[in-house]
Amino acid sequence: MGTARLSPSNRKIANLDKRIRLLEKYEREFRPRKIDLETYVSPDKWRNYWENRANLIRYMRESNNLAAEIQKEIKEKIEKEI
């Protein structure tokens, strides 16, 4: 078990040992299979997906920044009224 700040052991997850044993059992019974998803779609579609994903993340950051600006502006105007 890890020592990271948000690791299950540091977060005191109940029955952690039992959960780990169940996961290990599951992995023994149902071997994970690595699938190279990129090989199942056209290169254009794959590239388009990753471009869209990058744009979405960029738009989310921009929206977050804009929301912070709006919040600050509203707060300033309300404080002037008081």
PDB file of N, CA and C in Angstrom:
ATOM      1  N   MET A   1       0.840  -1.179   0.000  1.00  0.00           N
ATOM      2  CA  MET A   1       0.000   0.000   0.000  1.00  0.00           C
ATOM      3  C   MET A   1       0.883   1.240   0.000  1.00  0.00           C
ATOM      4  N   GLY A   2       0.431   2.226  -0.728  1.00  0.00           N
ATOM      5  CA  GLY A   2       1.223   3.433  -0.904  1.00  0.00           C
ATOM      6  C   GLY A   2       1.153   4.383   0.278  1.00  0.00           C
ATOM      7  N   THR A   3       2.035   5.367   0.214  1.00  0.00           N
ATOM      8  CA  THR A   3       2.080   6.372   1.277  1.00  0.00           C
ATOM      9  C   THR A   3       1.667   7.750   0.771  1.00  0.00           C
ATOM     10  N   ALA A   4       1.153   7.798  -0.447  1.00  0.00           N
ATOM     11  CA  ALA A   4       0.712   9.080  -1.002  1.00  0.00           C
ATOM     12  C   ALA A   4      -0.380   9.672  -0.124  1.00  0.00           C
ATOM     13  N   ARG A   5      -0.473  10.981  -0.134  1.00  0.00           N
ATOM     14  CA  ARG A   5      -1.421  11.694   0.724  1.00  0.00           C
ATOM     15  C   ARG A   5      -2.853  11.182   0.556  1.00  0.00           C
ATOM     16  N   LEU A   6      -3.264  10.877  -0.668  1.00  0.00           N
ATOM     17  CA  LEU A   6      -4.642  10.428  -0.908  1.00  0.00           C
ATOM     18  C   LEU A   6      -4.749   8.925  -1.157  1.00  0.00           C
ATOM     19  N   SER A   7      -3.741   8.182  -0.741  1.00  0.00           N
ATOM     20  CA  SER A   7      -3.792   6.728  -0.930  1.00  0.00           C
ATOM     21  C   SER A   7      -4.902   6.146  -0.062  1.00  0.00           C
ATOM     22  N   PRO A   8      -5.444   4.990  -0.453  1.00  0.00           N
ATOM     23  CA  PRO A   8      -6.514   4.380   0.350  1.00  0.00           C
ATOM     24  C   PRO A   8      -6.120   4.144   1.806  1.00  0.00           C
ATOM     25  N   SER A   9      -4.875   3.768   2.041  1.00  0.00           N
ATOM     26  CA  SER A   9      -4.472   3.525   3.440  1.00  0.00           C
ATOM     27  C   SER A   9      -4.448   4.823   4.238  1.00  0.00           C
ATOM     28  N   ASN A  10      -3.970   5.904   3.640  1.00  0.00           N
ATOM     29  CA  ASN A  10      -3.967   7.195   4.353  1.00  0.00           C
ATOM     30  C   ASN A  10      -5.377   7.755   4.533  1.00  0.00           C
ATOM     31  N   ARG A  11      -6.280   7.376   3.637  1.00  0.00           N
ATOM     32  CA  ARG A  11      -7.668   7.844   3.768  1.00  0.00           C
ATOM     33  C   ARG A  11      -8.492   6.916   4.658  1.00  0.00           C
ATOM     34  N   LYS A  12      -7.837   5.920   5.213  1.00  0.00           N
ATOM     35  CA  LYS A  12      -8.485   4.991   6.161  1.00  0.00           C
ATOM     36  C   LYS A  12      -9.701   4.299   5.542  1.00  0.00           C
ATOM     37  N   ILE A  13      -9.516   3.789   4.323  1.00  0.00           N
ATOM     38  CA  ILE A  13     -10.594   3.061   3.649  1.00  0.00           C
ATOM     39  C   ILE A  13     -10.880   1.772   4.426  1.00  0.00           C
ATOM     40  N   ALA A  14     -12.156   1.538   4.700  1.00  0.00           N
ATOM     41  CA  ALA A  14     -12.552   0.364   5.478  1.00  0.00           C
ATOM     42  C   ALA A  14     -12.270  -0.921   4.705  1.00  0.00           C
ATOM     43  N   ASN A  15     -11.888  -1.956   5.413  1.00  0.00           N
ATOM     44  CA  ASN A  15     -11.667  -3.293   4.841  1.00  0.00           C
ATOM     45  C   ASN A  15     -10.690  -3.287   3.680  1.00  0.00           C
ATOM     46  N   LEU A  16      -9.667  -2.489   3.759  1.00  0.00           N
ATOM     47  CA  LEU A  16      -8.729  -2.335   2.645  1.00  0.00           C
ATOM     48  C   LEU A  16      -8.052  -3.653   2.283  1.00  0.00           C
ATOM     49  N   ASP A  17      -7.606  -4.416   3.274  1.00  0.00           N
ATOM     50  CA  ASP A  17      -6.948  -5.691   2.980  1.00  0.00           C
ATOM     51  C   ASP A  17      -7.881  -6.629   2.223  1.00  0.00           C
ATOM     52  N   LYS A  18      -9.138  -6.682   2.644  1.00  0.00           N
ATOM     53  CA  LYS A  18     -10.118  -7.542   1.971  1.00  0.00           C
ATOM     54  C   LYS A  18     -10.342  -7.069   0.533  1.00  0.00           C
ATOM     55  N   ARG A  19     -10.439  -5.781   0.342  1.00  0.00           N
ATOM     56  CA  ARG A  19     -10.647  -5.233  -1.003  1.00  0.00           C
ATOM     57  C   ARG A  19      -9.476  -5.574  -1.923  1.00  0.00           C
ATOM     58  N   ILE A  20      -8.266  -5.468  -1.384  1.00  0.00           N
ATOM     59  CA  ILE A  20      -7.076  -5.791  -2.178  1.00  0.00           C
ATOM     60  C   ILE A  20      -7.092  -7.265  -2.566  1.00  0.00           C
ATOM     61  N   ARG A  21      -7.413  -8.137  -1.604  1.00  0.00           N
ATOM     62  CA  ARG A  21      -7.484  -9.577  -1.918  1.00  0.00           C
ATOM     63  C   ARG A  21      -8.524  -9.860  -2.997  1.00  0.00           C
ATOM     64  N   LEU A  22      -9.672  -9.208  -2.922  1.00  0.00           N
ATOM     65  CA  LEU A  22     -10.717  -9.420  -3.928  1.00  0.00           C
ATOM     66  C   LEU A  22     -10.258  -8.953  -5.311  1.00  0.00           C
ATOM     67  N   LEU A  23      -9.571  -7.829  -5.368  1.00  0.00           N
ATOM     68  CA  LEU A  23      -9.052  -7.352  -6.650  1.00  0.00           C
ATOM     69  C   LEU A  23      -8.005  -8.303  -7.216  1.00  0.00           C
ATOM     70  N   GLU A  24      -7.132  -8.792  -6.351  1.00  0.00           N
ATOM     71  CA  GLU A  24      -6.114  -9.746  -6.809  1.00  0.00           C
ATOM     72  C   GLU A  24      -6.755 -11.031  -7.327  1.00  0.00           C
ATOM     73  N   LYS A  25      -7.776 -11.505  -6.630  1.00  0.00           N
ATOM     74  CA  LYS A  25      -8.508 -12.700  -7.074  1.00  0.00           C
ATOM     75  C   LYS A  25      -9.153 -12.452  -8.444  1.00  0.00           C
ATOM     76  N   TYR A  26      -9.783 -11.309  -8.583  1.00  0.00           N
ATOM     77  CA  TYR A  26     -10.426 -10.957  -9.855  1.00  0.00           C
ATOM     78  C   TYR A  26      -9.398 -10.940 -10.994  1.00  0.00           C
ATOM     79  N   GLU A  27      -8.243 -10.338 -10.750  1.00  0.00           N
ATOM     80  CA  GLU A  27      -7.206 -10.270 -11.782  1.00  0.00           C
ATOM     81  C   GLU A  27      -6.661 -11.650 -12.143  1.00  0.00           C
ATOM     82  N   ARG A  28      -6.619 -12.564 -11.168  1.00  0.00           N
ATOM     83  CA  ARG A  28      -6.173 -13.930 -11.470  1.00  0.00           C
ATOM     84  C   ARG A  28      -7.196 -14.665 -12.324  1.00  0.00           C
ATOM     85  N   GLU A  29      -8.474 -14.455 -12.026  1.00  0.00           N
ATOM     86  CA  GLU A  29      -9.537 -15.178 -12.733  1.00  0.00           C
ATOM     87  C   GLU A  29      -9.860 -14.571 -14.098  1.00  0.00           C
ATOM     88  N   PHE A  30      -9.749 -13.276 -14.214  1.00  0.00           N
ATOM     89  CA  PHE A  30     -10.085 -12.588 -15.457  1.00  0.00           C
ATOM     90  C   PHE A  30      -8.878 -11.760 -15.888  1.00  0.00           C
ATOM     91  N   ARG A  31      -7.963 -12.413 -16.559  1.00  0.00           N
ATOM     92  CA  ARG A  31      -6.720 -11.753 -16.976  1.00  0.00           C
ATOM     93  C   ARG A  31      -7.027 -10.504 -17.796  1.00  0.00           C
ATOM     94  N   PRO A  32      -6.417  -9.367 -17.423  1.00  0.00           N
ATOM     95  CA  PRO A  32      -6.605  -8.147 -18.223  1.00  0.00           C
ATOM     96  C   PRO A  32      -6.027  -8.329 -19.617  1.00  0.00           C
ATOM     97  N   ARG A  33      -6.653  -7.700 -20.569  1.00  0.00           N
ATOM     98  CA  ARG A  33      -6.207  -7.794 -21.957  1.00  0.00           C
ATOM     99  C   ARG A  33      -5.917  -6.396 -22.463  1.00  0.00           C
ATOM    100  N   LYS A  34      -4.711  -6.192 -22.941  1.00  0.00           N
ATOM    101  CA  LYS A  34      -4.351  -4.890 -23.474  1.00  0.00           C
ATOM    102  C   LYS A  34      -4.861  -4.794 -24.908  1.00  0.00           C
ATOM    103  N   ILE A  35      -5.584  -3.729 -25.183  1.00  0.00           N
ATOM    104  CA  ILE A  35      -6.139  -3.512 -26.519  1.00  0.00           C
ATOM    105  C   ILE A  35      -5.644  -2.172 -27.028  1.00  0.00           C
ATOM    106  N   ASP A  36      -5.016  -2.174 -28.180  1.00  0.00           N
ATOM    107  CA  ASP A  36      -4.540  -0.937 -28.795  1.00  0.00           C
ATOM    108  C   ASP A  36      -5.708  -0.330 -29.566  1.00  0.00           C
ATOM    109  N   LEU A  37      -6.470   0.507 -28.896  1.00  0.00           N
ATOM    110  CA  LEU A  37      -7.705   1.052 -29.464  1.00  0.00           C
ATOM    111  C   LEU A  37      -7.469   1.824 -30.755  1.00  0.00           C
ATOM    112  N   GLU A  38      -6.338   2.459 -30.863  1.00  0.00           N
ATOM    113  CA  GLU A  38      -6.026   3.268 -32.040  1.00  0.00           C
ATOM    114  C   GLU A  38      -6.067   2.445 -33.327  1.00  0.00           C
ATOM    115  N   THR A  39      -5.780   1.172 -33.236  1.00  0.00           N
ATOM    116  CA  THR A  39      -5.750   0.325 -34.437  1.00  0.00           C
ATOM    117  C   THR A  39      -7.152  -0.013 -34.946  1.00  0.00           C
ATOM    118  N   TYR A  40      -8.183   0.284 -34.171  1.00  0.00           N
ATOM    119  CA  TYR A  40      -9.551  -0.068 -34.553  1.00  0.00           C
ATOM    120  C   TYR A  40     -10.315   1.059 -35.233  1.00  0.00           C
ATOM    121  N   VAL A  41      -9.714   2.239 -35.311  1.00  0.00           N
ATOM    122  CA  VAL A  41     -10.385   3.365 -35.959  1.00  0.00           C
ATOM    123  C   VAL A  41      -9.439   4.014 -36.965  1.00  0.00           C
ATOM    124  N   SER A  42      -9.999   4.817 -37.826  1.00  0.00           N
ATOM    125  CA  SER A  42      -9.171   5.477 -38.833  1.00  0.00           C
ATOM    126  C   SER A  42      -8.235   6.486 -38.154  1.00  0.00           C
ATOM    127  N   PRO A  43      -7.060   6.706 -38.728  1.00  0.00           N
ATOM    128  CA  PRO A  43      -6.130   7.695 -38.144  1.00  0.00           C
ATOM    129  C   PRO A  43      -6.743   9.089 -38.027  1.00  0.00           C
ATOM    130  N   ASP A  44      -7.556   9.474 -39.019  1.00  0.00           N
ATOM    131  CA  ASP A  44      -8.198  10.795 -38.967  1.00  0.00           C
ATOM    132  C   ASP A  44      -9.145  10.914 -37.775  1.00  0.00           C
ATOM    133  N   LYS A  45      -9.932   9.884 -37.562  1.00  0.00           N
ATOM    134  CA  LYS A  45     -10.885   9.916 -36.452  1.00  0.00           C
ATOM    135  C   LYS A  45     -10.140   9.937 -35.119  1.00  0.00           C
ATOM    136  N   TRP A  46      -9.082   9.151 -35.017  1.00  0.00           N
ATOM    137  CA  TRP A  46      -8.290   9.115 -33.785  1.00  0.00           C
ATOM    138  C   TRP A  46      -7.671  10.480 -33.505  1.00  0.00           C
ATOM    139  N   ARG A  47      -7.079  11.085 -34.511  1.00  0.00           N
ATOM    140  CA  ARG A  47      -6.461  12.406 -34.373  1.00  0.00           C
ATOM    141  C   ARG A  47      -7.522  13.447 -34.006  1.00  0.00           C
ATOM    142  N   ASN A  48      -8.672  13.365 -34.667  1.00  0.00           N
ATOM    143  CA  ASN A  48      -9.757  14.301 -34.397  1.00  0.00           C
ATOM    144  C   ASN A  48     -10.215  14.207 -32.948  1.00  0.00           C
ATOM    145  N   TYR A  49     -10.301  12.988 -32.441  1.00  0.00           N
ATOM    146  CA  TYR A  49     -10.690  12.801 -31.040  1.00  0.00           C
ATOM    147  C   TYR A  49      -9.717  13.528 -30.120  1.00  0.00           C
ATOM    148  N   TRP A  50      -8.416  13.321 -30.314  1.00  0.00           N
ATOM    149  CA  TRP A  50      -7.425  13.921 -29.421  1.00  0.00           C
ATOM    150  C   TRP A  50      -7.371  15.436 -29.569  1.00  0.00           C
ATOM    151  N   GLU A  51      -7.612  15.929 -30.773  1.00  0.00           N
ATOM    152  CA  GLU A  51      -7.694  17.386 -30.949  1.00  0.00           C
ATOM    153  C   GLU A  51      -8.898  17.945 -30.203  1.00  0.00           C
ATOM    154  N   ASN A  52     -10.040  17.272 -30.330  1.00  0.00           N
ATOM    155  CA  ASN A  52     -11.251  17.712 -29.618  1.00  0.00           C
ATOM    156  C   ASN A  52     -11.038  17.689 -28.110  1.00  0.00           C
ATOM    157  N   ARG A  53     -10.389  16.649 -27.636  1.00  0.00           N
ATOM    158  CA  ARG A  53     -10.113  16.532 -26.209  1.00  0.00           C
ATOM    159  C   ARG A  53      -9.229  17.688 -25.738  1.00  0.00           C
ATOM    160  N   ALA A  54      -8.183  17.983 -26.492  1.00  0.00           N
ATOM    161  CA  ALA A  54      -7.289  19.086 -26.126  1.00  0.00           C
ATOM    162  C   ALA A  54      -8.046  20.416 -26.121  1.00  0.00           C
ATOM    163  N   ASN A  55      -8.904  20.616 -27.138  1.00  0.00           N
ATOM    164  CA  ASN A  55      -9.710  21.843 -27.199  1.00  0.00           C
ATOM    165  C   ASN A  55     -10.653  21.938 -26.003  1.00  0.00           C
ATOM    166  N   LEU A  56     -11.269  20.833 -25.649  1.00  0.00           N
ATOM    167  CA  LEU A  56     -12.191  20.825 -24.519  1.00  0.00           C
ATOM    168  C   LEU A  56     -11.481  21.225 -23.236  1.00  0.00           C
ATOM    169  N   ILE A  57     -10.314  20.670 -23.013  1.00  0.00           N
ATOM    170  CA  ILE A  57      -9.547  21.020 -21.819  1.00  0.00           C
ATOM    171  C   ILE A  57      -9.179  22.501 -21.833  1.00  0.00           C
ATOM    172  N   ARG A  58      -8.766  22.991 -22.993  1.00  0.00           N
ATOM    173  CA  ARG A  58      -8.421  24.412 -23.116  1.00  0.00           C
ATOM    174  C   ARG A  58      -9.646  25.287 -22.833  1.00  0.00           C
ATOM    175  N   TYR A  59     -10.797  24.925 -23.411  1.00  0.00           N
ATOM    176  CA  TYR A  59     -12.025  25.695 -23.185  1.00  0.00           C
ATOM    177  C   TYR A  59     -12.442  25.658 -21.712  1.00  0.00           C
ATOM    178  N   MET A  60     -12.248  24.514 -21.066  1.00  0.00           N
ATOM    179  CA  MET A  60     -12.598  24.410 -19.649  1.00  0.00           C
ATOM    180  C   MET A  60     -11.705  25.332 -18.815  1.00  0.00           C
ATOM    181  N   ARG A  61     -10.420  25.373 -19.136  1.00  0.00           N
ATOM    182  CA  ARG A  61      -9.515  26.284 -18.409  1.00  0.00           C
ATOM    183  C   ARG A  61      -9.913  27.740 -18.639  1.00  0.00           C
ATOM    184  N   GLU A  62     -10.192  28.076 -19.907  1.00  0.00           N
ATOM    185  CA  GLU A  62     -10.606  29.444 -20.218  1.00  0.00           C
ATOM    186  C   GLU A  62     -11.894  29.797 -19.486  1.00  0.00           C
ATOM    187  N   SER A  63     -12.836  28.873 -19.452  1.00  0.00           N
ATOM    188  CA  SER A  63     -14.109  29.114 -18.766  1.00  0.00           C
ATOM    189  C   SER A  63     -13.900  29.295 -17.277  1.00  0.00           C
ATOM    190  N   ASN A  64     -13.010  28.515 -16.713  1.00  0.00           N
ATOM    191  CA  ASN A  64     -12.698  28.650 -15.295  1.00  0.00           C
ATOM    192  C   ASN A  64     -12.107  30.021 -14.996  1.00  0.00           C
ATOM    193  N   ASN A  65     -11.187  30.454 -15.842  1.00  0.00           N
ATOM    194  CA  ASN A  65     -10.587  31.781 -15.658  1.00  0.00           C
ATOM    195  C   ASN A  65     -11.634  32.879 -15.803  1.00  0.00           C
ATOM    196  N   LEU A  66     -12.496  32.742 -16.793  1.00  0.00           N
ATOM    197  CA  LEU A  66     -13.552  33.729 -17.004  1.00  0.00           C
ATOM    198  C   LEU A  66     -14.519  33.751 -15.817  1.00  0.00           C
ATOM    199  N   ALA A  67     -14.849  32.591 -15.295  1.00  0.00           N
ATOM    200  CA  ALA A  67     -15.737  32.527 -14.127  1.00  0.00           C
ATOM    201  C   ALA A  67     -15.108  33.239 -12.941  1.00  0.00           C
ATOM    202  N   ALA A  68     -13.801  33.084 -12.760  1.00  0.00           N
ATOM    203  CA  ALA A  68     -13.108  33.768 -11.659  1.00  0.00           C
ATOM    204  C   ALA A  68     -13.153  35.281 -11.851  1.00  0.00           C
ATOM    205  N   GLU A  69     -12.966  35.729 -13.082  1.00  0.00           N
ATOM    206  CA  GLU A  69     -13.045  37.171 -13.376  1.00  0.00           C
ATOM    207  C   GLU A  69     -14.441  37.702 -13.100  1.00  0.00           C
ATOM    208  N   ILE A  70     -15.454  36.965 -13.534  1.00  0.00           N
ATOM    209  CA  ILE A  70     -16.846  37.376 -13.315  1.00  0.00           C
ATOM    210  C   ILE A  70     -17.137  37.447 -11.821  1.00  0.00           C
ATOM    211  N   GLN A  71     -16.705  36.432 -11.081  1.00  0.00           N
ATOM    212  CA  GLN A  71     -16.931  36.405  -9.641  1.00  0.00           C
ATOM    213  C   GLN A  71     -16.279  37.613  -8.970  1.00  0.00           C
ATOM    214  N   LYS A  72     -15.053  37.926  -9.369  1.00  0.00           N
ATOM    215  CA  LYS A  72     -14.341  39.064  -8.789  1.00  0.00           C
ATOM    216  C   LYS A  72     -15.067  40.370  -9.105  1.00  0.00           C
ATOM    217  N   GLU A  73     -15.497  40.522 -10.355  1.00  0.00           N
ATOM    218  CA  GLU A  73     -16.187  41.748 -10.770  1.00  0.00           C
ATOM    219  C   GLU A  73     -17.495  41.926 -10.010  1.00  0.00           C
ATOM    220  N   ILE A  74     -18.246  40.858  -9.877  1.00  0.00           N
ATOM    221  CA  ILE A  74     -19.517  40.926  -9.148  1.00  0.00           C
ATOM    222  C   ILE A  74     -19.261  41.282  -7.686  1.00  0.00           C
ATOM    223  N   LYS A  75     -18.283  40.617  -7.079  1.00  0.00           N
ATOM    224  CA  LYS A  75     -17.964  40.875  -5.670  1.00  0.00           C
ATOM    225  C   LYS A  75     -17.585  42.346  -5.464  1.00  0.00           C
ATOM    226  N   GLU A  76     -16.748  42.872  -6.345  1.00  0.00           N
ATOM    227  CA  GLU A  76     -16.325  44.280  -6.231  1.00  0.00           C
ATOM    228  C   GLU A  76     -17.501  45.223  -6.320  1.00  0.00           C
ATOM    229  N   LYS A  77     -18.416  44.966  -7.273  1.00  0.00           N
ATOM    230  CA  LYS A  77     -19.571  45.860  -7.445  1.00  0.00           C
ATOM    231  C   LYS A  77     -20.544  45.763  -6.272  1.00  0.00           C
ATOM    232  N   ILE A  78     -20.703  44.570  -5.734  1.00  0.00           N
ATOM    233  CA  ILE A  78     -21.596  44.420  -4.578  1.00  0.00           C
ATOM    234  C   ILE A  78     -21.005  45.135  -3.374  1.00  0.00           C
ATOM    235  N   GLU A  79     -19.689  45.002  -3.188  1.00  0.00           N
ATOM    236  CA  GLU A  79     -19.045  45.660  -2.042  1.00  0.00           C
ATOM    237  C   GLU A  79     -19.156  47.174  -2.134  1.00  0.00           C
ATOM    238  N   LYS A  80     -19.153  47.724  -3.342  1.00  0.00           N
ATOM    239  CA  LYS A  80     -19.315  49.179  -3.508  1.00  0.00           C
ATOM    240  C   LYS A  80     -20.705  49.628  -3.115  1.00  0.00           C
ATOM    241  N   GLU A  81     -21.682  48.751  -3.328  1.00  0.00           N
ATOM    242  CA  GLU A  81     -23.069  49.095  -3.002  1.00  0.00           C
ATOM    243  C   GLU A  81     -23.329  49.084  -1.502  1.00  0.00           C
ATOM    244  N   ILE A  82     -22.556  48.346  -0.789  1.00  0.00           N
ATOM    245  CA  ILE A  82     -22.806  48.176   0.654  1.00  0.00           C
ATOM    246  C   ILE A  82     -22.295  49.371   1.431  1.00  0.00           C
TER     247      ILE A  82
END
